[in-house]
Amino acid sequence: MAIISRLDRVMADKKVSVNDLAAAIDLAPNNISRIKTGRIKAVRFSTLDGICRVLKCQPGDLMEYVPDDEVEEMFSFCV
């Protein structure tokens, strides 16, 4: 199972920078960057709430579920 972060796309669509989003929800910019790149294992609901409030989006806009077999296909060219 893979959950893919789409935060980068939503931020680009809304023209919001990492620093602006971080300041608006009182989170360190490096933590926003980790969420953007998917290098996290969990997100607090309060963080998710803040991101959705600032970006005026739904949690489903920020994440996408991709089944394991599709993830393997997506990255099979790397081998």
PDB file of N, CA and C in Angstrom:
ATOM      1  N   MET A   1       0.846  -1.176   0.000  1.00  0.00           N
ATOM      2  CA  MET A   1       0.000   0.000   0.000  1.00  0.00           C
ATOM      3  C   MET A   1       0.893   1.240   0.000  1.00  0.00           C
ATOM      4  N   ALA A   2       0.527   2.199  -0.797  1.00  0.00           N
ATOM      5  CA  ALA A   2       1.269   3.453  -0.826  1.00  0.00           C
ATOM      6  C   ALA A   2       0.299   4.626  -0.820  1.00  0.00           C
ATOM      7  N   ILE A   3       0.571   5.542   0.056  1.00  0.00           N
ATOM      8  CA  ILE A   3      -0.162   6.794   0.076  1.00  0.00           C
ATOM      9  C   ILE A   3       0.790   7.838  -0.504  1.00  0.00           C
ATOM     10  N   ILE A   4       0.384   8.467  -1.584  1.00  0.00           N
ATOM     11  CA  ILE A   4       1.208   9.443  -2.276  1.00  0.00           C
ATOM     12  C   ILE A   4       0.751  10.847  -1.880  1.00  0.00           C
ATOM     13  N   SER A   5       1.698  11.683  -1.482  1.00  0.00           N
ATOM     14  CA  SER A   5       1.376  13.063  -1.124  1.00  0.00           C
ATOM     15  C   SER A   5       1.194  13.890  -2.386  1.00  0.00           C
ATOM     16  N   ARG A   6       0.120  14.649  -2.435  1.00  0.00           N
ATOM     17  CA  ARG A   6      -0.167  15.561  -3.543  1.00  0.00           C
ATOM     18  C   ARG A   6      -0.116  17.016  -3.071  1.00  0.00           C
ATOM     19  N   LEU A   7       0.479  17.226  -1.897  1.00  0.00           N
ATOM     20  CA  LEU A   7       0.560  18.567  -1.339  1.00  0.00           C
ATOM     21  C   LEU A   7       1.285  19.518  -2.277  1.00  0.00           C
ATOM     22  N   ASP A   8       2.320  19.035  -2.942  1.00  0.00           N
ATOM     23  CA  ASP A   8       3.066  19.904  -3.861  1.00  0.00           C
ATOM     24  C   ASP A   8       2.171  20.441  -4.969  1.00  0.00           C
ATOM     25  N   ARG A   9       1.305  19.610  -5.499  1.00  0.00           N
ATOM     26  CA  ARG A   9       0.397  20.035  -6.569  1.00  0.00           C
ATOM     27  C   ARG A   9      -0.611  21.071  -6.077  1.00  0.00           C
ATOM     28  N   VAL A  10      -1.171  20.812  -4.889  1.00  0.00           N
ATOM     29  CA  VAL A  10      -2.168  21.733  -4.348  1.00  0.00           C
ATOM     30  C   VAL A  10      -1.511  23.077  -4.034  1.00  0.00           C
ATOM     31  N   MET A  11      -0.314  23.039  -3.464  1.00  0.00           N
ATOM     32  CA  MET A  11       0.388  24.282  -3.159  1.00  0.00           C
ATOM     33  C   MET A  11       0.703  25.064  -4.434  1.00  0.00           C
ATOM     34  N   ALA A  12       1.103  24.363  -5.483  1.00  0.00           N
ATOM     35  CA  ALA A  12       1.399  25.034  -6.754  1.00  0.00           C
ATOM     36  C   ALA A  12       0.135  25.646  -7.348  1.00  0.00           C
ATOM     37  N   ASP A  13      -0.970  24.907  -7.303  1.00  0.00           N
ATOM     38  CA  ASP A  13      -2.243  25.421  -7.827  1.00  0.00           C
ATOM     39  C   ASP A  13      -2.695  26.679  -7.085  1.00  0.00           C
ATOM     40  N   LYS A  14      -2.468  26.694  -5.769  1.00  0.00           N
ATOM     41  CA  LYS A  14      -2.902  27.820  -4.938  1.00  0.00           C
ATOM     42  C   LYS A  14      -1.829  28.901  -4.831  1.00  0.00           C
ATOM     43  N   LYS A  15      -0.656  28.628  -5.431  1.00  0.00           N
ATOM     44  CA  LYS A  15       0.474  29.574  -5.390  1.00  0.00           C
ATOM     45  C   LYS A  15       0.868  29.929  -3.962  1.00  0.00           C
ATOM     46  N   VAL A  16       1.032  28.880  -3.142  1.00  0.00           N
ATOM     47  CA  VAL A  16       1.444  29.037  -1.748  1.00  0.00           C
ATOM     48  C   VAL A  16       2.814  28.403  -1.584  1.00  0.00           C
ATOM     49  N   SER A  17       3.742  29.135  -0.995  1.00  0.00           N
ATOM     50  CA  SER A  17       5.091  28.613  -0.787  1.00  0.00           C
ATOM     51  C   SER A  17       5.174  27.788   0.497  1.00  0.00           C
ATOM     52  N   VAL A  18       6.232  27.018   0.603  1.00  0.00           N
ATOM     53  CA  VAL A  18       6.470  26.224   1.808  1.00  0.00           C
ATOM     54  C   VAL A  18       6.538  27.147   3.020  1.00  0.00           C
ATOM     55  N   ASN A  19       7.293  28.222   2.908  1.00  0.00           N
ATOM     56  CA  ASN A  19       7.448  29.139   4.039  1.00  0.00           C
ATOM     57  C   ASN A  19       6.129  29.797   4.432  1.00  0.00           C
ATOM     58  N   ASP A  20       5.324  30.184   3.455  1.00  0.00           N
ATOM     59  CA  ASP A  20       4.029  30.801   3.755  1.00  0.00           C
ATOM     60  C   ASP A  20       3.091  29.819   4.447  1.00  0.00           C
ATOM     61  N   LEU A  21       3.034  28.590   3.938  1.00  0.00           N
ATOM     62  CA  LEU A  21       2.175  27.575   4.549  1.00  0.00           C
ATOM     63  C   LEU A  21       2.655  27.237   5.951  1.00  0.00           C
ATOM     64  N   ALA A  22       3.956  27.087   6.107  1.00  0.00           N
ATOM     65  CA  ALA A  22       4.519  26.765   7.422  1.00  0.00           C
ATOM     66  C   ALA A  22       4.184  27.848   8.436  1.00  0.00           C
ATOM     67  N   ALA A  23       4.332  29.102   8.045  1.00  0.00           N
ATOM     68  CA  ALA A  23       4.031  30.211   8.952  1.00  0.00           C
ATOM     69  C   ALA A  23       2.543  30.251   9.302  1.00  0.00           C
ATOM     70  N   ALA A  24       1.696  29.974   8.326  1.00  0.00           N
ATOM     71  CA  ALA A  24       0.247  30.047   8.544  1.00  0.00           C
ATOM     72  C   ALA A  24      -0.261  28.983   9.504  1.00  0.00           C
ATOM     73  N   ILE A  25       0.398  27.834   9.538  1.00  0.00           N
ATOM     74  CA  ILE A  25      -0.068  26.768  10.434  1.00  0.00           C
ATOM     75  C   ILE A  25       0.892  26.509  11.585  1.00  0.00           C
ATOM     76  N   ASP A  26       1.882  27.396  11.739  1.00  0.00           N
ATOM     77  CA  ASP A  26       2.839  27.315  12.843  1.00  0.00           C
ATOM     78  C   ASP A  26       3.565  25.962  12.861  1.00  0.00           C
ATOM     79  N   LEU A  27       4.163  25.643  11.739  1.00  0.00           N
ATOM     80  CA  LEU A  27       4.923  24.403  11.588  1.00  0.00           C
ATOM     81  C   LEU A  27       6.250  24.756  10.927  1.00  0.00           C
ATOM     82  N   ALA A  28       7.286  24.012  11.218  1.00  0.00           N
ATOM     83  CA  ALA A  28       8.595  24.278  10.618  1.00  0.00           C
ATOM     84  C   ALA A  28       8.549  23.993   9.117  1.00  0.00           C
ATOM     85  N   PRO A  29       9.190  24.830   8.310  1.00  0.00           N
ATOM     86  CA  PRO A  29       9.197  24.609   6.858  1.00  0.00           C
ATOM     87  C   PRO A  29       9.725  23.228   6.453  1.00  0.00           C
ATOM     88  N   ASN A  30      10.704  22.704   7.193  1.00  0.00           N
ATOM     89  CA  ASN A  30      11.224  21.379   6.834  1.00  0.00           C
ATOM     90  C   ASN A  30      10.162  20.294   7.024  1.00  0.00           C
ATOM     91  N   ASN A  31       9.236  20.492   7.962  1.00  0.00           N
ATOM     92  CA  ASN A  31       8.156  19.510   8.129  1.00  0.00           C
ATOM     93  C   ASN A  31       7.167  19.569   6.969  1.00  0.00           C
ATOM     94  N   ILE A  32       6.895  20.771   6.463  1.00  0.00           N
ATOM     95  CA  ILE A  32       6.047  20.891   5.266  1.00  0.00           C
ATOM     96  C   ILE A  32       6.732  20.207   4.093  1.00  0.00           C
ATOM     97  N   SER A  33       8.024  20.414   3.951  1.00  0.00           N
ATOM     98  CA  SER A  33       8.777  19.779   2.861  1.00  0.00           C
ATOM     99  C   SER A  33       8.725  18.263   2.959  1.00  0.00           C
ATOM    100  N   ARG A  34       8.819  17.745   4.162  1.00  0.00           N
ATOM    101  CA  ARG A  34       8.732  16.281   4.348  1.00  0.00           C
ATOM    102  C   ARG A  34       7.355  15.750   3.950  1.00  0.00           C
ATOM    103  N   ILE A  35       6.313  16.493   4.279  1.00  0.00           N
ATOM    104  CA  ILE A  35       4.967  16.075   3.885  1.00  0.00           C
ATOM    105  C   ILE A  35       4.854  16.119   2.362  1.00  0.00           C
ATOM    106  N   LYS A  36       5.372  17.193   1.754  1.00  0.00           N
ATOM    107  CA  LYS A  36       5.323  17.339   0.288  1.00  0.00           C
ATOM    108  C   LYS A  36       5.987  16.170  -0.423  1.00  0.00           C
ATOM    109  N   THR A  37       7.134  15.736   0.096  1.00  0.00           N
ATOM    110  CA  THR A  37       7.897  14.680  -0.571  1.00  0.00           C
ATOM    111  C   THR A  37       7.488  13.280  -0.135  1.00  0.00           C
ATOM    112  N   GLY A  38       6.601  13.187   0.842  1.00  0.00           N
ATOM    113  CA  GLY A  38       6.141  11.877   1.284  1.00  0.00           C
ATOM    114  C   GLY A  38       7.108  11.169   2.220  1.00  0.00           C
ATOM    115  N   ARG A  39       8.071  11.886   2.769  1.00  0.00           N
ATOM    116  CA  ARG A  39       9.041  11.275   3.672  1.00  0.00           C
ATOM    117  C   ARG A  39       8.562  11.333   5.119  1.00  0.00           C
ATOM    118  N   ILE A  40       7.318  10.946   5.324  1.00  0.00           N
ATOM    119  CA  ILE A  40       6.733  10.926   6.663  1.00  0.00           C
ATOM    120  C   ILE A  40       6.002   9.612   6.857  1.00  0.00           C
ATOM    121  N   LYS A  41       5.726   9.287   8.090  1.00  0.00           N
ATOM    122  CA  LYS A  41       4.959   8.082   8.380  1.00  0.00           C
ATOM    123  C   LYS A  41       3.572   8.416   8.906  1.00  0.00           C
ATOM    124  N   ALA A  42       3.394   9.659   9.375  1.00  0.00           N
ATOM    125  CA  ALA A  42       2.107  10.055   9.942  1.00  0.00           C
ATOM    126  C   ALA A  42       1.955  11.565   9.850  1.00  0.00           C
ATOM    127  N   VAL A  43       0.696  12.006   9.873  1.00  0.00           N
ATOM    128  CA  VAL A  43       0.373  13.426   9.907  1.00  0.00           C
ATOM    129  C   VAL A  43      -0.679  13.618  10.989  1.00  0.00           C
ATOM    130  N   ARG A  44      -0.445  14.553  11.870  1.00  0.00           N
ATOM    131  CA  ARG A  44      -1.442  14.850  12.902  1.00  0.00           C
ATOM    132  C   ARG A  44      -2.684  15.456  12.249  1.00  0.00           C
ATOM    133  N   PHE A  45      -3.830  15.148  12.819  1.00  0.00           N
ATOM    134  CA  PHE A  45      -5.062  15.728  12.304  1.00  0.00           C
ATOM    135  C   PHE A  45      -5.033  17.245  12.407  1.00  0.00           C
ATOM    136  N   SER A  46      -4.417  17.768  13.453  1.00  0.00           N
ATOM    137  CA  SER A  46      -4.353  19.225  13.601  1.00  0.00           C
ATOM    138  C   SER A  46      -3.525  19.845  12.468  1.00  0.00           C
ATOM    139  N   THR A  47      -2.473  19.161  12.031  1.00  0.00           N
ATOM    140  CA  THR A  47      -1.662  19.631  10.899  1.00  0.00           C
ATOM    141  C   THR A  47      -2.476  19.554   9.619  1.00  0.00           C
ATOM    142  N   LEU A  48      -3.140  18.439   9.416  1.00  0.00           N
ATOM    143  CA  LEU A  48      -3.982  18.262   8.233  1.00  0.00           C
ATOM    144  C   LEU A  48      -5.092  19.308   8.198  1.00  0.00           C
ATOM    145  N   ASP A  49      -5.682  19.574   9.352  1.00  0.00           N
ATOM    146  CA  ASP A  49      -6.724  20.600   9.454  1.00  0.00           C
ATOM    147  C   ASP A  49      -6.167  21.964   9.052  1.00  0.00           C
ATOM    148  N   GLY A  50      -5.005  22.302   9.552  1.00  0.00           N
ATOM    149  CA  GLY A  50      -4.396  23.590   9.222  1.00  0.00           C
ATOM    150  C   GLY A  50      -4.071  23.717   7.745  1.00  0.00           C
ATOM    151  N   ILE A  51      -3.524  22.665   7.163  1.00  0.00           N
ATOM    152  CA  ILE A  51      -3.201  22.687   5.733  1.00  0.00           C
ATOM    153  C   ILE A  51      -4.470  22.874   4.909  1.00  0.00           C
ATOM    154  N   CYS A  52      -5.508  22.120   5.232  1.00  0.00           N
ATOM    155  CA  CYS A  52      -6.771  22.225   4.487  1.00  0.00           C
ATOM    156  C   CYS A  52      -7.412  23.595   4.658  1.00  0.00           C
ATOM    157  N   ARG A  53      -7.309  24.158   5.856  1.00  0.00           N
ATOM    158  CA  ARG A  53      -7.875  25.489   6.110  1.00  0.00           C
ATOM    159  C   ARG A  53      -7.169  26.541   5.266  1.00  0.00           C
ATOM    160  N   VAL A  54      -5.836  26.515   5.258  1.00  0.00           N
ATOM    161  CA  VAL A  54      -5.065  27.523   4.532  1.00  0.00           C
ATOM    162  C   VAL A  54      -5.207  27.349   3.021  1.00  0.00           C
ATOM    163  N   LEU A  55      -5.162  26.104   2.546  1.00  0.00           N
ATOM    164  CA  LEU A  55      -5.221  25.845   1.107  1.00  0.00           C
ATOM    165  C   LEU A  55      -6.655  25.733   0.587  1.00  0.00           C
ATOM    166  N   LYS A  56      -7.622  25.779   1.496  1.00  0.00           N
ATOM    167  CA  LYS A  56      -9.043  25.656   1.130  1.00  0.00           C
ATOM    168  C   LYS A  56      -9.273  24.411   0.260  1.00  0.00           C
ATOM    169  N   CYS A  57      -8.910  23.269   0.847  1.00  0.00           N
ATOM    170  CA  CYS A  57      -9.039  22.006   0.133  1.00  0.00           C
ATOM    171  C   CYS A  57      -9.544  20.925   1.087  1.00  0.00           C
ATOM    172  N   GLN A  58      -9.723  19.729   0.563  1.00  0.00           N
ATOM    173  CA  GLN A  58     -10.143  18.577   1.345  1.00  0.00           C
ATOM    174  C   GLN A  58      -8.930  17.661   1.565  1.00  0.00           C
ATOM    175  N   PRO A  59      -8.921  16.863   2.633  1.00  0.00           N
ATOM    176  CA  PRO A  59      -7.797  15.942   2.857  1.00  0.00           C
ATOM    177  C   PRO A  59      -7.530  15.030   1.654  1.00  0.00           C
ATOM    178  N   GLY A  60      -8.584  14.630   0.965  1.00  0.00           N
ATOM    179  CA  GLY A  60      -8.418  13.779  -0.215  1.00  0.00           C
ATOM    180  C   GLY A  60      -7.684  14.465  -1.356  1.00  0.00           C
ATOM    181  N   ASP A  61      -7.661  15.795  -1.348  1.00  0.00           N
ATOM    182  CA  ASP A  61      -6.906  16.527  -2.363  1.00  0.00           C
ATOM    183  C   ASP A  61      -5.405  16.426  -2.107  1.00  0.00           C
ATOM    184  N   LEU A  62      -5.041  16.125  -0.867  1.00  0.00           N
ATOM    185  CA  LEU A  62      -3.640  16.120  -0.455  1.00  0.00           C
ATOM    186  C   LEU A  62      -2.981  14.755  -0.523  1.00  0.00           C
ATOM    187  N   MET A  63      -3.793  13.698  -0.612  1.00  0.00           N
ATOM    188  CA  MET A  63      -3.264  12.338  -0.596  1.00  0.00           C
ATOM    189  C   MET A  63      -3.961  11.472  -1.625  1.00  0.00           C
ATOM    190  N   GLU A  64      -3.206  10.494  -2.106  1.00  0.00           N
ATOM    191  CA  GLU A  64      -3.767   9.549  -3.076  1.00  0.00           C
ATOM    192  C   GLU A  64      -3.308   8.152  -2.706  1.00  0.00           C
ATOM    193  N   TYR A  65      -4.232   7.211  -2.716  1.00  0.00           N
ATOM    194  CA  TYR A  65      -3.902   5.815  -2.463  1.00  0.00           C
ATOM    195  C   TYR A  65      -3.553   5.147  -3.778  1.00  0.00           C
ATOM    196  N   VAL A  66      -2.425   4.445  -3.794  1.00  0.00           N
ATOM    197  CA  VAL A  66      -2.015   3.695  -4.974  1.00  0.00           C
ATOM    198  C   VAL A  66      -1.716   2.259  -4.523  1.00  0.00           C
ATOM    199  N   PRO A  67      -2.409   1.259  -5.089  1.00  0.00           N
ATOM    200  CA  PRO A  67      -2.155  -0.128  -4.708  1.00  0.00           C
ATOM    201  C   PRO A  67      -0.701  -0.533  -4.990  1.00  0.00           C
ATOM    202  N   ASP A  68      -0.217  -1.523  -4.242  1.00  0.00           N
ATOM    203  CA  ASP A  68       1.175  -1.966  -4.351  1.00  0.00           C
ATOM    204  C   ASP A  68       1.595  -2.300  -5.774  1.00  0.00           C
ATOM    205  N   ASP A  69       0.745  -3.016  -6.513  1.00  0.00           N
ATOM    206  CA  ASP A  69       1.141  -3.418  -7.864  1.00  0.00           C
ATOM    207  C   ASP A  69       1.340  -2.214  -8.785  1.00  0.00           C
ATOM    208  N   GLU A  70       0.564  -1.166  -8.594  1.00  0.00           N
ATOM    209  CA  GLU A  70       0.736   0.041  -9.407  1.00  0.00           C
ATOM    210  C   GLU A  70       1.993   0.807  -9.008  1.00  0.00           C
ATOM    211  N   VAL A  71       2.332   0.775  -7.717  1.00  0.00           N
ATOM    212  CA  VAL A  71       3.558   1.427  -7.259  1.00  0.00           C
ATOM    213  C   VAL A  71       4.759   0.723  -7.874  1.00  0.00           C
ATOM    214  N   GLU A  72       4.721  -0.605  -7.890  1.00  0.00           N
ATOM    215  CA  GLU A  72       5.824  -1.371  -8.487  1.00  0.00           C
ATOM    216  C   GLU A  72       5.971  -1.024  -9.966  1.00  0.00           C
ATOM    217  N   GLU A  73       4.848  -0.892 -10.681  1.00  0.00           N
ATOM    218  CA  GLU A  73       4.905  -0.513 -12.103  1.00  0.00           C
ATOM    219  C   GLU A  73       5.477   0.877 -12.269  1.00  0.00           C
ATOM    220  N   MET A  74       5.098   1.810 -11.408  1.00  0.00           N
ATOM    221  CA  MET A  74       5.559   3.181 -11.511  1.00  0.00           C
ATOM    222  C   MET A  74       7.077   3.271 -11.351  1.00  0.00           C
ATOM    223  N   PHE A  75       7.639   2.418 -10.514  1.00  0.00           N
ATOM    224  CA  PHE A  75       9.068   2.515 -10.220  1.00  0.00           C
ATOM    225  C   PHE A  75       9.886   1.368 -10.799  1.00  0.00           C
ATOM    226  N   SER A  76       9.308   0.574 -11.669  1.00  0.00           N
ATOM    227  CA  SER A  76      10.043  -0.562 -12.240  1.00  0.00           C
ATOM    228  C   SER A  76      11.167  -0.107 -13.163  1.00  0.00           C
ATOM    229  N   PHE A  77      11.055   1.083 -13.726  1.00  0.00           N
ATOM    230  CA  PHE A  77      12.094   1.589 -14.611  1.00  0.00           C
ATOM    231  C   PHE A  77      13.364   1.926 -13.847  1.00  0.00           C
ATOM    232  N   CYS A  78      13.292   2.052 -12.536  1.00  0.00           N
ATOM    233  CA  CYS A  78      14.457   2.431 -11.732  1.00  0.00           C
ATOM    234  C   CYS A  78      15.414   1.258 -11.528  1.00  0.00           C
ATOM    235  N   VAL A  79      14.957   0.058 -11.779  1.00  0.00           N
ATOM    236  CA  VAL A  79      15.768  -1.136 -11.495  1.00  0.00           C
ATOM    237  C   VAL A  79      16.745  -1.403 -12.607  1.00  0.00           C
TER     238      VAL A  79
END
